[in-house]
Protein backbone atom coordinates (compact mmCIF):
# COMPACT_ATOMS: atom_id res chain seq x y z
CA MET A 1 -0.11 -0.26 -0.02
CA ARG A 2 1.24 3.56 -1.20
CA GLY A 3 0.82 6.50 1.07
CA THR A 4 1.21 10.19 0.85
CA VAL A 5 1.92 12.73 3.01
CA HIS A 6 0.70 16.19 2.49
CA SER A 7 3.11 19.58 4.35
CA ALA A 8 1.92 22.15 5.98
CA ASP A 9 2.96 24.13 3.20
CA GLY A 10 1.32 21.90 0.54
CA ARG A 11 3.92 19.78 -0.77
CA ALA A 12 3.17 16.37 -1.14
CA ILE A 13 5.46 13.52 -0.87
CA ARG A 14 4.72 10.07 -1.82
CA GLY A 15 6.47 6.45 -0.96
CA SER A 16 5.99 3.31 -0.83
CA ALA A 17 5.07 3.03 2.85
CA VAL A 18 4.29 6.16 5.29
CA VAL A 19 6.04 5.57 9.04
CA VAL A 20 4.55 7.89 11.29
CA CYS A 21 6.80 8.73 14.54
CA VAL A 22 5.54 11.68 16.34
CA PRO A 23 4.79 11.71 20.39
CA LEU A 24 1.49 10.61 21.45
CA HIS A 25 0.43 13.78 22.57
CA ALA A 26 1.15 15.27 18.60
CA LEU A 27 -0.50 12.67 17.30
CA ASN A 28 -3.75 14.43 17.86
CA ARG A 29 -2.42 16.88 15.05
CA VAL A 30 -1.90 14.45 12.47
CA THR A 31 -4.34 13.74 9.74
CA LEU A 32 -4.44 10.25 9.01
CA GLU A 33 -6.64 8.50 5.92
CA PRO A 34 -8.05 5.94 6.86
CA PRO A 35 -8.34 6.65 10.49
CA PRO A 36 -6.80 3.93 12.95
CA PRO A 37 -9.05 1.83 14.14
CA ALA A 38 -11.01 3.08 17.79
CA LYS A 39 -8.87 0.76 19.54
CA HIS A 40 -6.17 3.24 19.25
CA ASP A 41 -8.39 5.77 21.22
CA GLY A 42 -4.89 6.68 22.73
CA ILE A 43 -4.57 9.72 20.53
CA THR A 44 -7.42 11.23 21.77
CA ARG A 45 -6.76 10.54 25.31
CA GLY A 46 -2.68 11.52 24.64
CA GLN A 47 0.17 10.20 27.42
CA ALA A 48 -1.64 7.58 29.60
CA SER A 49 2.00 6.76 31.23
CA ARG A 50 2.95 8.77 34.17
CA GLY A 51 5.97 6.48 34.76
CA VAL A 52 10.07 7.07 35.04
CA LYS A 53 12.65 4.67 32.76
CA VAL A 54 15.49 3.80 35.17
CA ARG A 55 18.86 2.10 34.80
CA ILE A 56 20.89 0.36 37.20
CA ARG A 57 23.82 -1.80 37.87
CA LEU A 58 23.95 -4.83 39.13
CA ARG A 59 26.75 -7.25 41.23
CA GLY A 60 27.13 -10.68 40.01
CA LYS A 61 25.49 -12.86 38.07
CA SER A 62 21.86 -11.94 37.07
CA SER A 63 19.44 -12.68 34.14
CA PRO A 64 18.02 -9.44 32.20
CA PHE A 65 14.55 -8.58 33.29
CA ALA A 66 11.94 -5.88 32.66
CA ALA A 67 10.01 -4.22 35.71
CA LEU A 68 6.49 -3.01 35.45
CA GLY A 69 4.45 -1.15 37.96
CA GLY A 70 1.60 -0.77 38.92
CA GLN A 71 -0.50 0.65 41.87
CA LYS A 72 0.01 -1.60 44.27
CA ALA A 73 2.82 -4.07 42.84
CA VAL A 74 5.65 -4.46 40.70
CA GLU A 75 6.13 -7.12 38.24
CA PHE A 76 9.19 -8.61 36.59
CA LEU A 77 9.56 -9.79 33.51
CA PRO A 78 12.21 -12.00 32.07
CA VAL A 79 13.64 -10.85 29.14
């Protein structure tokens, strides 16, 4: 499927595909045709996360993991 990007100054740029990489809070200012499915309503809600990214250095042996925090608990997932 081919795609076309129309810029604010009136230019049209065509390609074999279009990849949209903008922050979620700015995506509501981008018109997508056809529009994304309703399940992608994050566009209208904006940024849902108030999280932080933390990088730590561990001593000894450890397996790679990811930690996801919720309101009451932290879940550790193997990577």
